[in-house]
Amino acid sequence: GPTEAGAAEGTLAVALGKLFALSEAYPQLRAVEAFTDFQGSLDEIEEAVQNARRYYNAVVRDYNTKLQVFPTNLLAGLFGHTRREFFSLDDERRREGPRVAFS
């Protein structure tokens, strides 16, 4: 669920932080074309993940709202549908995502 995804994203953020620290320690990495391509890919992935988070939370908001509105609330209760939790990150640094800046 969203809680497990948040934990996995936190682990990834720590690993990326170590990679970024390595790139700062070795500036010659920035001159390697593959590394700059990697940076571009990370930017795209980070944006896609943020968009997916926003979309998921919007769908959950709509779903939870429908569970409270008549007559959907009657059918939802009958079939065991319950509220879903939003995807949220507890750490401000993880919420912002890793800083991708190799220049």
PDB file of N, CA and C in Angstrom:
ATOM      1  N   GLY A   1       0.800  -1.183   0.000  1.00  0.00           N
ATOM      2  CA  GLY A   1       0.000   0.000   0.000  1.00  0.00           C
ATOM      3  C   GLY A   1       0.851   1.258   0.000  1.00  0.00           C
ATOM      4  N   PRO A   2       0.228   2.376   0.223  1.00  0.00           N
ATOM      5  CA  PRO A   2       0.933   3.653   0.217  1.00  0.00           C
ATOM      6  C   PRO A   2       2.025   3.749   1.280  1.00  0.00           C
ATOM      7  N   THR A   3       1.813   3.117   2.435  1.00  0.00           N
ATOM      8  CA  THR A   3       2.819   3.178   3.499  1.00  0.00           C
ATOM      9  C   THR A   3       4.093   2.473   3.084  1.00  0.00           C
ATOM     10  N   GLU A   4       3.948   1.285   2.481  1.00  0.00           N
ATOM     11  CA  GLU A   4       5.114   0.534   2.024  1.00  0.00           C
ATOM     12  C   GLU A   4       5.826   1.272   0.891  1.00  0.00           C
ATOM     13  N   ALA A   5       5.054   1.892   0.016  1.00  0.00           N
ATOM     14  CA  ALA A   5       5.652   2.648  -1.089  1.00  0.00           C
ATOM     15  C   ALA A   5       6.453   3.827  -0.552  1.00  0.00           C
ATOM     16  N   GLY A   6       5.949   4.468   0.485  1.00  0.00           N
ATOM     17  CA  GLY A   6       6.673   5.582   1.087  1.00  0.00           C
ATOM     18  C   GLY A   6       7.990   5.133   1.693  1.00  0.00           C
ATOM     19  N   ALA A   7       7.986   3.958   2.335  1.00  0.00           N
ATOM     20  CA  ALA A   7       9.225   3.421   2.917  1.00  0.00           C
ATOM     21  C   ALA A   7      10.229   3.085   1.824  1.00  0.00           C
ATOM     22  N   ALA A   8       9.754   2.480   0.737  1.00  0.00           N
ATOM     23  CA  ALA A   8      10.646   2.136  -0.377  1.00  0.00           C
ATOM     24  C   ALA A   8      11.220   3.397  -1.012  1.00  0.00           C
ATOM     25  N   GLU A   9      10.395   4.420  -1.135  1.00  0.00           N
ATOM     26  CA  GLU A   9      10.880   5.672  -1.721  1.00  0.00           C
ATOM     27  C   GLU A   9      11.929   6.317  -0.818  1.00  0.00           C
ATOM     28  N   GLY A  10      11.761   6.171   0.493  1.00  0.00           N
ATOM     29  CA  GLY A  10      12.751   6.696   1.431  1.00  0.00           C
ATOM     30  C   GLY A  10      14.087   6.003   1.278  1.00  0.00           C
ATOM     31  N   THR A  11      14.065   4.688   1.092  1.00  0.00           N
ATOM     32  CA  THR A  11      15.294   3.926   0.881  1.00  0.00           C
ATOM     33  C   THR A  11      15.980   4.372  -0.400  1.00  0.00           C
ATOM     34  N   LEU A  12      15.201   4.577  -1.440  1.00  0.00           N
ATOM     35  CA  LEU A  12      15.754   5.046  -2.712  1.00  0.00           C
ATOM     36  C   LEU A  12      16.368   6.434  -2.560  1.00  0.00           C
ATOM     37  N   ALA A  13      15.705   7.303  -1.819  1.00  0.00           N
ATOM     38  CA  ALA A  13      16.222   8.663  -1.620  1.00  0.00           C
ATOM     39  C   ALA A  13      17.570   8.639  -0.911  1.00  0.00           C
ATOM     40  N   VAL A  14      17.727   7.728   0.056  1.00  0.00           N
ATOM     41  CA  VAL A  14      19.013   7.606   0.759  1.00  0.00           C
ATOM     42  C   VAL A  14      20.098   7.154  -0.212  1.00  0.00           C
ATOM     43  N   ALA A  15      19.778   6.153  -1.039  1.00  0.00           N
ATOM     44  CA  ALA A  15      20.759   5.649  -2.009  1.00  0.00           C
ATOM     45  C   ALA A  15      21.139   6.731  -3.016  1.00  0.00           C
ATOM     46  N   LEU A  16      20.159   7.478  -3.494  1.00  0.00           N
ATOM     47  CA  LEU A  16      20.449   8.555  -4.445  1.00  0.00           C
ATOM     48  C   LEU A  16      21.275   9.657  -3.790  1.00  0.00           C
ATOM     49  N   GLY A  17      21.014   9.919  -2.524  1.00  0.00           N
ATOM     50  CA  GLY A  17      21.808  10.914  -1.803  1.00  0.00           C
ATOM     51  C   GLY A  17      23.276  10.533  -1.765  1.00  0.00           C
ATOM     52  N   LYS A  18      23.536   9.239  -1.562  1.00  0.00           N
ATOM     53  CA  LYS A  18      24.924   8.756  -1.557  1.00  0.00           C
ATOM     54  C   LYS A  18      25.553   8.909  -2.941  1.00  0.00           C
ATOM     55  N   LEU A  19      24.767   8.628  -3.979  1.00  0.00           N
ATOM     56  CA  LEU A  19      25.274   8.778  -5.343  1.00  0.00           C
ATOM     57  C   LEU A  19      25.605  10.235  -5.644  1.00  0.00           C
ATOM     58  N   PHE A  20      24.745  11.145  -5.218  1.00  0.00           N
ATOM     59  CA  PHE A  20      24.985  12.559  -5.462  1.00  0.00           C
ATOM     60  C   PHE A  20      26.215  13.045  -4.705  1.00  0.00           C
ATOM     61  N   ALA A  21      26.405  12.537  -3.494  1.00  0.00           N
ATOM     62  CA  ALA A  21      27.604  12.899  -2.725  1.00  0.00           C
ATOM     63  C   ALA A  21      28.855  12.411  -3.448  1.00  0.00           C
ATOM     64  N   LEU A  22      28.771  11.234  -4.044  1.00  0.00           N
ATOM     65  CA  LEU A  22      29.892  10.689  -4.808  1.00  0.00           C
ATOM     66  C   LEU A  22      30.207  11.586  -6.003  1.00  0.00           C
ATOM     67  N   SER A  23      29.171  12.060  -6.678  1.00  0.00           N
ATOM     68  CA  SER A  23      29.401  12.923  -7.848  1.00  0.00           C
ATOM     69  C   SER A  23      30.034  14.253  -7.445  1.00  0.00           C
ATOM     70  N   GLU A  24      29.717  14.728  -6.249  1.00  0.00           N
ATOM     71  CA  GLU A  24      30.343  15.965  -5.773  1.00  0.00           C
ATOM     72  C   GLU A  24      31.811  15.732  -5.431  1.00  0.00           C
ATOM     73  N   ALA A  25      32.116  14.541  -4.938  1.00  0.00           N
ATOM     74  CA  ALA A  25      33.500  14.220  -4.581  1.00  0.00           C
ATOM     75  C   ALA A  25      34.366  14.012  -5.824  1.00  0.00           C
ATOM     76  N   TYR A  26      33.735  13.599  -6.929  1.00  0.00           N
ATOM     77  CA  TYR A  26      34.464  13.330  -8.176  1.00  0.00           C
ATOM     78  C   TYR A  26      33.845  14.145  -9.314  1.00  0.00           C
ATOM     79  N   PRO A  27      34.195  15.426  -9.434  1.00  0.00           N
ATOM     80  CA  PRO A  27      33.597  16.303 -10.455  1.00  0.00           C
ATOM     81  C   PRO A  27      33.803  15.812 -11.886  1.00  0.00           C
ATOM     82  N   GLN A  28      34.836  15.011 -12.127  1.00  0.00           N
ATOM     83  CA  GLN A  28      35.080  14.520 -13.484  1.00  0.00           C
ATOM     84  C   GLN A  28      33.943  13.612 -13.967  1.00  0.00           C
ATOM     85  N   LEU A  29      33.135  13.088 -13.050  1.00  0.00           N
ATOM     86  CA  LEU A  29      31.974  12.288 -13.462  1.00  0.00           C
ATOM     87  C   LEU A  29      31.007  13.111 -14.306  1.00  0.00           C
ATOM     88  N   ARG A  30      30.913  14.392 -14.006  1.00  0.00           N
ATOM     89  CA  ARG A  30      29.978  15.257 -14.732  1.00  0.00           C
ATOM     90  C   ARG A  30      30.347  15.403 -16.197  1.00  0.00           C
ATOM     91  N   ALA A  31      31.598  15.129 -16.521  1.00  0.00           N
ATOM     92  CA  ALA A  31      32.056  15.250 -17.906  1.00  0.00           C
ATOM     93  C   ALA A  31      31.718  14.010 -18.726  1.00  0.00           C
ATOM     94  N   VAL A  32      31.335  12.929 -18.081  1.00  0.00           N
ATOM     95  CA  VAL A  32      31.018  11.681 -18.777  1.00  0.00           C
ATOM     96  C   VAL A  32      29.585  11.770 -19.322  1.00  0.00           C
ATOM     97  N   GLU A  33      29.444  11.535 -20.621  1.00  0.00           N
ATOM     98  CA  GLU A  33      28.135  11.674 -21.268  1.00  0.00           C
ATOM     99  C   GLU A  33      27.091  10.743 -20.655  1.00  0.00           C
ATOM    100  N   ALA A  34      27.484   9.522 -20.338  1.00  0.00           N
ATOM    101  CA  ALA A  34      26.538   8.572 -19.745  1.00  0.00           C
ATOM    102  C   ALA A  34      26.002   9.093 -18.411  1.00  0.00           C
ATOM    103  N   PHE A  35      26.849   9.772 -17.663  1.00  0.00           N
ATOM    104  CA  PHE A  35      26.419  10.304 -16.376  1.00  0.00           C
ATOM    105  C   PHE A  35      25.426  11.445 -16.565  1.00  0.00           C
ATOM    106  N   THR A  36      25.658  12.295 -17.549  1.00  0.00           N
ATOM    107  CA  THR A  36      24.714  13.388 -17.804  1.00  0.00           C
ATOM    108  C   THR A  36      23.389  12.845 -18.344  1.00  0.00           C
ATOM    109  N   ASP A  37      23.454  11.768 -19.143  1.00  0.00           N
ATOM    110  CA  ASP A  37      22.227  11.111 -19.597  1.00  0.00           C
ATOM    111  C   ASP A  37      21.463  10.538 -18.407  1.00  0.00           C
ATOM    112  N   PHE A  38      22.215   9.964 -17.474  1.00  0.00           N
ATOM    113  CA  PHE A  38      21.625   9.412 -16.255  1.00  0.00           C
ATOM    114  C   PHE A  38      20.925  10.514 -15.464  1.00  0.00           C
ATOM    115  N   GLN A  39      21.553  11.674 -15.382  1.00  0.00           N
ATOM    116  CA  GLN A  39      20.958  12.812 -14.683  1.00  0.00           C
ATOM    117  C   GLN A  39      19.627  13.194 -15.329  1.00  0.00           C
ATOM    118  N   GLY A  40      19.607  13.260 -16.653  1.00  0.00           N
ATOM    119  CA  GLY A  40      18.367  13.586 -17.358  1.00  0.00           C
ATOM    120  C   GLY A  40      17.282  12.561 -17.095  1.00  0.00           C
ATOM    121  N   SER A  41      17.663  11.290 -17.073  1.00  0.00           N
ATOM    122  CA  SER A  41      16.697  10.228 -16.782  1.00  0.00           C
ATOM    123  C   SER A  41      16.141  10.370 -15.371  1.00  0.00           C
ATOM    124  N   LEU A  42      17.000  10.699 -14.417  1.00  0.00           N
ATOM    125  CA  LEU A  42      16.541  10.888 -13.037  1.00  0.00           C
ATOM    126  C   LEU A  42      15.549  12.034 -12.934  1.00  0.00           C
ATOM    127  N   ASP A  43      15.805  13.111 -13.650  1.00  0.00           N
ATOM    128  CA  ASP A  43      14.874  14.244 -13.654  1.00  0.00           C
ATOM    129  C   ASP A  43      13.500  13.808 -14.157  1.00  0.00           C
ATOM    130  N   GLU A  44      13.485  13.053 -15.248  1.00  0.00           N
ATOM    131  CA  GLU A  44      12.224  12.580 -15.825  1.00  0.00           C
ATOM    132  C   GLU A  44      11.503  11.633 -14.875  1.00  0.00           C
ATOM    133  N   ILE A  45      12.251  10.732 -14.252  1.00  0.00           N
ATOM    134  CA  ILE A  45      11.653   9.769 -13.324  1.00  0.00           C
ATOM    135  C   ILE A  45      11.086  10.482 -12.107  1.00  0.00           C
ATOM    136  N   GLU A  46      11.836  11.438 -11.579  1.00  0.00           N
ATOM    137  CA  GLU A  46      11.367  12.190 -10.413  1.00  0.00           C
ATOM    138  C   GLU A  46      10.054  12.903 -10.723  1.00  0.00           C
ATOM    139  N   GLU A  47       9.969  13.504 -11.890  1.00  0.00           N
ATOM    140  CA  GLU A  47       8.739  14.192 -12.284  1.00  0.00           C
ATOM    141  C   GLU A  47       7.584  13.203 -12.452  1.00  0.00           C
ATOM    142  N   ALA A  48       7.862  12.044 -13.042  1.00  0.00           N
ATOM    143  CA  ALA A  48       6.823  11.029 -13.229  1.00  0.00           C
ATOM    144  C   ALA A  48       6.310  10.512 -11.885  1.00  0.00           C
ATOM    145  N   VAL A  49       7.205  10.313 -10.929  1.00  0.00           N
ATOM    146  CA  VAL A  49       6.802   9.835  -9.604  1.00  0.00           C
ATOM    147  C   VAL A  49       5.934  10.881  -8.904  1.00  0.00           C
ATOM    148  N   GLN A  50       6.316  12.138  -8.991  1.00  0.00           N
ATOM    149  CA  GLN A  50       5.510  13.198  -8.381  1.00  0.00           C
ATOM    150  C   GLN A  50       4.123  13.275  -9.023  1.00  0.00           C
ATOM    151  N   ASN A  51       4.064  13.139 -10.339  1.00  0.00           N
ATOM    152  CA  ASN A  51       2.768  13.148 -11.028  1.00  0.00           C
ATOM    153  C   ASN A  51       1.921  11.953 -10.611  1.00  0.00           C
ATOM    154  N   ALA A  52       2.551  10.792 -10.471  1.00  0.00           N
ATOM    155  CA  ALA A  52       1.821   9.591 -10.056  1.00  0.00           C
ATOM    156  C   ALA A  52       1.279   9.756  -8.638  1.00  0.00           C
ATOM    157  N   ARG A  53       2.081  10.354  -7.749  1.00  0.00           N
ATOM    158  CA  ARG A  53       1.621  10.615  -6.378  1.00  0.00           C
ATOM    159  C   ARG A  53       0.399  11.518  -6.379  1.00  0.00           C
ATOM    160  N   ARG A  54       0.466  12.598  -7.158  1.00  0.00           N
ATOM    161  CA  ARG A  54      -0.661  13.532  -7.228  1.00  0.00           C
ATOM    162  C   ARG A  54      -1.909  12.844  -7.787  1.00  0.00           C
ATOM    163  N   TYR A  55      -1.731  12.056  -8.841  1.00  0.00           N
ATOM    164  CA  TYR A  55      -2.864  11.361  -9.454  1.00  0.00           C
ATOM    165  C   TYR A  55      -3.484  10.372  -8.471  1.00  0.00           C
ATOM    166  N   TYR A  56      -2.641   9.582  -7.801  1.00  0.00           N
ATOM    167  CA  TYR A  56      -3.133   8.602  -6.833  1.00  0.00           C
ATOM    168  C   TYR A  56      -3.948   9.297  -5.746  1.00  0.00           C
ATOM    169  N   ASN A  57      -3.409  10.373  -5.186  1.00  0.00           N
ATOM    170  CA  ASN A  57      -4.107  11.077  -4.116  1.00  0.00           C
ATOM    171  C   ASN A  57      -5.416  11.696  -4.602  1.00  0.00           C
ATOM    172  N   ALA A  58      -5.458  12.159  -5.844  1.00  0.00           N
ATOM    173  CA  ALA A  58      -6.704  12.705  -6.397  1.00  0.00           C
ATOM    174  C   ALA A  58      -7.753  11.605  -6.541  1.00  0.00           C
ATOM    175  N   VAL A  59      -7.329  10.436  -7.002  1.00  0.00           N
ATOM    176  CA  VAL A  59      -8.261   9.311  -7.147  1.00  0.00           C
ATOM    177  C   VAL A  59      -8.767   8.864  -5.779  1.00  0.00           C
ATOM    178  N   VAL A  60      -7.876   8.786  -4.797  1.00  0.00           N
ATOM    179  CA  VAL A  60      -8.274   8.397  -3.439  1.00  0.00           C
ATOM    180  C   VAL A  60      -9.251   9.420  -2.864  1.00  0.00           C
ATOM    181  N   ARG A  61      -8.988  10.705  -3.086  1.00  0.00           N
ATOM    182  CA  ARG A  61      -9.891  11.748  -2.595  1.00  0.00           C
ATOM    183  C   ARG A  61     -11.287  11.569  -3.196  1.00  0.00           C
ATOM    184  N   ASP A  62     -11.350  11.363  -4.514  1.00  0.00           N
ATOM    185  CA  ASP A  62     -12.643  11.178  -5.179  1.00  0.00           C
ATOM    186  C   ASP A  62     -13.348   9.920  -4.677  1.00  0.00           C
ATOM    187  N   TYR A  63     -12.591   8.839  -4.525  1.00  0.00           N
ATOM    188  CA  TYR A  63     -13.146   7.570  -4.042  1.00  0.00           C
ATOM    189  C   TYR A  63     -13.715   7.739  -2.633  1.00  0.00           C
ATOM    190  N   ASN A  64     -12.930   8.334  -1.736  1.00  0.00           N
ATOM    191  CA  ASN A  64     -13.382   8.524  -0.357  1.00  0.00           C
ATOM    192  C   ASN A  64     -14.601   9.435  -0.288  1.00  0.00           C
ATOM    193  N   THR A  65     -14.658  10.435  -1.153  1.00  0.00           N
ATOM    194  CA  THR A  65     -15.814  11.329  -1.190  1.00  0.00           C
ATOM    195  C   THR A  65     -17.057  10.567  -1.629  1.00  0.00           C
ATOM    196  N   LYS A  66     -16.912   9.724  -2.647  1.00  0.00           N
ATOM    197  CA  LYS A  66     -18.063   8.959  -3.138  1.00  0.00           C
ATOM    198  C   LYS A  66     -18.580   7.988  -2.083  1.00  0.00           C
ATOM    199  N   LEU A  67     -17.693   7.504  -1.224  1.00  0.00           N
ATOM    200  CA  LEU A  67     -18.123   6.590  -0.167  1.00  0.00           C
ATOM    201  C   LEU A  67     -19.044   7.279   0.836  1.00  0.00           C
ATOM    202  N   GLN A  68     -19.047   8.586   0.865  1.00  0.00           N
ATOM    203  CA  GLN A  68     -19.844   9.330   1.838  1.00  0.00           C
ATOM    204  C   GLN A  68     -21.138   9.889   1.254  1.00  0.00           C
ATOM    205  N   VAL A  69     -21.336   9.744  -0.040  1.00  0.00           N
ATOM    206  CA  VAL A  69     -22.480  10.361  -0.715  1.00  0.00           C
ATOM    207  C   VAL A  69     -23.559   9.310  -0.996  1.00  0.00           C
ATOM    208  N   PHE A  70     -24.800   9.685  -0.728  1.00  0.00           N
ATOM    209  CA  PHE A  70     -25.939   8.816  -1.014  1.00  0.00           C
ATOM    210  C   PHE A  70     -26.153   8.736  -2.518  1.00  0.00           C
ATOM    211  N   PRO A  71     -26.451   7.625  -3.112  1.00  0.00           N
ATOM    212  CA  PRO A  71     -26.672   6.295  -2.547  1.00  0.00           C
ATOM    213  C   PRO A  71     -25.418   5.415  -2.558  1.00  0.00           C
ATOM    214  N   THR A  72     -24.314   5.981  -3.045  1.00  0.00           N
ATOM    215  CA  THR A  72     -23.084   5.194  -3.125  1.00  0.00           C
ATOM    216  C   THR A  72     -22.675   4.676  -1.759  1.00  0.00           C
ATOM    217  N   ASN A  73     -22.891   5.469  -0.710  1.00  0.00           N
ATOM    218  CA  ASN A  73     -22.487   5.039   0.623  1.00  0.00           C
ATOM    219  C   ASN A  73     -23.215   3.764   1.055  1.00  0.00           C
ATOM    220  N   LEU A  74     -24.452   3.598   0.640  1.00  0.00           N
ATOM    221  CA  LEU A  74     -25.197   2.382   0.983  1.00  0.00           C
ATOM    222  C   LEU A  74     -24.600   1.159   0.291  1.00  0.00           C
ATOM    223  N   LEU A  75     -24.332   1.299  -0.995  1.00  0.00           N
ATOM    224  CA  LEU A  75     -23.759   0.180  -1.745  1.00  0.00           C
ATOM    225  C   LEU A  75     -22.336  -0.125  -1.299  1.00  0.00           C
ATOM    226  N   ALA A  76     -21.575   0.907  -1.018  1.00  0.00           N
ATOM    227  CA  ALA A  76     -20.192   0.707  -0.583  1.00  0.00           C
ATOM    228  C   ALA A  76     -20.158  -0.069   0.726  1.00  0.00           C
ATOM    229  N   GLY A  77     -21.016   0.288   1.655  1.00  0.00           N
ATOM    230  CA  GLY A  77     -21.077  -0.428   2.930  1.00  0.00           C
ATOM    231  C   GLY A  77     -21.523  -1.859   2.742  1.00  0.00           C
ATOM    232  N   LEU A  78     -22.454  -2.068   1.839  1.00  0.00           N
ATOM    233  CA  LEU A  78     -22.979  -3.403   1.567  1.00  0.00           C
ATOM    234  C   LEU A  78     -21.903  -4.326   1.003  1.00  0.00           C
ATOM    235  N   PHE A  79     -21.026  -3.780   0.173  1.00  0.00           N
ATOM    236  CA  PHE A  79     -19.986  -4.588  -0.466  1.00  0.00           C
ATOM    237  C   PHE A  79     -18.627  -4.495   0.239  1.00  0.00           C
ATOM    238  N   GLY A  80     -18.587  -3.849   1.386  1.00  0.00           N
ATOM    239  CA  GLY A  80     -17.365  -3.818   2.181  1.00  0.00           C
ATOM    240  C   GLY A  80     -16.300  -2.838   1.723  1.00  0.00           C
ATOM    241  N   HIS A  81     -16.677  -1.864   0.934  1.00  0.00           N
ATOM    242  CA  HIS A  81     -15.701  -0.852   0.509  1.00  0.00           C
ATOM    243  C   HIS A  81     -15.411   0.093   1.674  1.00  0.00           C
ATOM    244  N   THR A  82     -14.152   0.382   1.886  1.00  0.00           N
ATOM    245  CA  THR A  82     -13.753   1.268   2.980  1.00  0.00           C
ATOM    246  C   THR A  82     -12.869   2.386   2.439  1.00  0.00           C
ATOM    247  N   ARG A  83     -12.686   3.387   3.282  1.00  0.00           N
ATOM    248  CA  ARG A  83     -11.841   4.522   2.897  1.00  0.00           C
ATOM    249  C   ARG A  83     -10.418   4.048   2.634  1.00  0.00           C
ATOM    250  N   ARG A  84      -9.747   4.710   1.718  1.00  0.00           N
ATOM    251  CA  ARG A  84      -8.341   4.423   1.383  1.00  0.00           C
ATOM    252  C   ARG A  84      -7.469   5.517   1.966  1.00  0.00           C
ATOM    253  N   GLU A  85      -6.222   5.168   2.236  1.00  0.00           N
ATOM    254  CA  GLU A  85      -5.319   6.172   2.791  1.00  0.00           C
ATOM    255  C   GLU A  85      -4.558   6.879   1.676  1.00  0.00           C
ATOM    256  N   PHE A  86      -4.272   8.138   1.910  1.00  0.00           N
ATOM    257  CA  PHE A  86      -3.509   8.931   0.958  1.00  0.00           C
ATOM    258  C   PHE A  86      -2.043   8.546   1.024  1.00  0.00           C
ATOM    259  N   PHE A  87      -1.355   8.749  -0.085  1.00  0.00           N
ATOM    260  CA  PHE A  87       0.093   8.568  -0.100  1.00  0.00           C
ATOM    261  C   PHE A  87       0.688   9.834   0.481  1.00  0.00           C
ATOM    262  N   SER A  88       1.466   9.675   1.539  1.00  0.00           N
ATOM    263  CA  SER A  88       2.117  10.843   2.126  1.00  0.00           C
ATOM    264  C   SER A  88       3.502  10.449   2.604  1.00  0.00           C
ATOM    265  N   LEU A  89       4.366  11.429   2.639  1.00  0.00           N
ATOM    266  CA  LEU A  89       5.727  11.218   3.112  1.00  0.00           C
ATOM    267  C   LEU A  89       5.888  11.986   4.409  1.00  0.00           C
ATOM    268  N   ASP A  90       6.431  11.313   5.417  1.00  0.00           N
ATOM    269  CA  ASP A  90       6.537  11.930   6.730  1.00  0.00           C
ATOM    270  C   ASP A  90       7.752  12.840   6.867  1.00  0.00           C
ATOM    271  N   ASP A  91       8.743  12.654   6.052  1.00  0.00           N
ATOM    272  CA  ASP A  91       9.974  13.428   6.146  1.00  0.00           C
ATOM    273  C   ASP A  91       9.972  14.500   5.055  1.00  0.00           C
ATOM    274  N   GLU A  92      10.203  15.744   5.431  1.00  0.00           N
ATOM    275  CA  GLU A  92      10.166  16.854   4.463  1.00  0.00           C
ATOM    276  C   GLU A  92      11.155  16.648   3.321  1.00  0.00           C
ATOM    277  N   ARG A  93      12.343  16.105   3.618  1.00  0.00           N
ATOM    278  CA  ARG A  93      13.335  15.886   2.560  1.00  0.00           C
ATOM    279  C   ARG A  93      12.824  14.858   1.558  1.00  0.00           C
ATOM    280  N   ARG A  94      12.176  13.807   2.042  1.00  0.00           N
ATOM    281  CA  ARG A  94      11.642  12.799   1.122  1.00  0.00           C
ATOM    282  C   ARG A  94      10.483  13.370   0.328  1.00  0.00           C
ATOM    283  N   ARG A  95       9.695  14.239   0.929  1.00  0.00           N
ATOM    284  CA  ARG A  95       8.556  14.838   0.236  1.00  0.00           C
ATOM    285  C   ARG A  95       9.029  15.649  -0.960  1.00  0.00           C
ATOM    286  N   GLU A  96      10.124  16.366  -0.788  1.00  0.00           N
ATOM    287  CA  GLU A  96      10.659  17.176  -1.881  1.00  0.00           C
ATOM    288  C   GLU A  96      11.318  16.320  -2.941  1.00  0.00           C
ATOM    289  N   GLY A  97      11.796  15.152  -2.573  1.00  0.00           N
ATOM    290  CA  GLY A  97      12.523  14.299  -3.508  1.00  0.00           C
ATOM    291  C   GLY A  97      13.989  14.654  -3.498  1.00  0.00           C
ATOM    292  N   PRO A  98      14.801  13.784  -4.032  1.00  0.00           N
ATOM    293  CA  PRO A  98      16.236  14.053  -4.035  1.00  0.00           C
ATOM    294  C   PRO A  98      16.576  15.217  -4.953  1.00  0.00           C
ATOM    295  N   ARG A  99      17.570  15.961  -4.583  1.00  0.00           N
ATOM    296  CA  ARG A  99      18.046  17.063  -5.421  1.00  0.00           C
ATOM    297  C   ARG A  99      18.949  16.486  -6.497  1.00  0.00           C
ATOM    298  N   VAL A 100      18.590  16.715  -7.744  1.00  0.00           N
ATOM    299  CA  VAL A 100      19.378  16.205  -8.860  1.00  0.00           C
ATOM    300  C   VAL A 100      20.062  17.391  -9.513  1.00  0.00           C
ATOM    301  N   ALA A 101      21.290  17.626  -9.098  1.00  0.00           N
ATOM    302  CA  ALA A 101      22.051  18.747  -9.652  1.00  0.00           C
ATOM    303  C   ALA A 101      23.517  18.357  -9.683  1.00  0.00           C
ATOM    304  N   PHE A 102      24.012  18.050 -10.862  1.00  0.00           N
ATOM    305  CA  PHE A 102      25.392  17.614 -11.006  1.00  0.00           C
ATOM    306  C   PHE A 102      26.280  18.698 -11.599  1.00  0.00           C
ATOM    307  N   SER A 103      25.753  19.871 -11.806  1.00  0.00           N
ATOM    308  CA  SER A 103      26.553  20.924 -12.441  1.00  0.00           C
ATOM    309  C   SER A 103      27.239  21.787 -11.408  1.00  0.00           C
TER     310      SER A 103
END
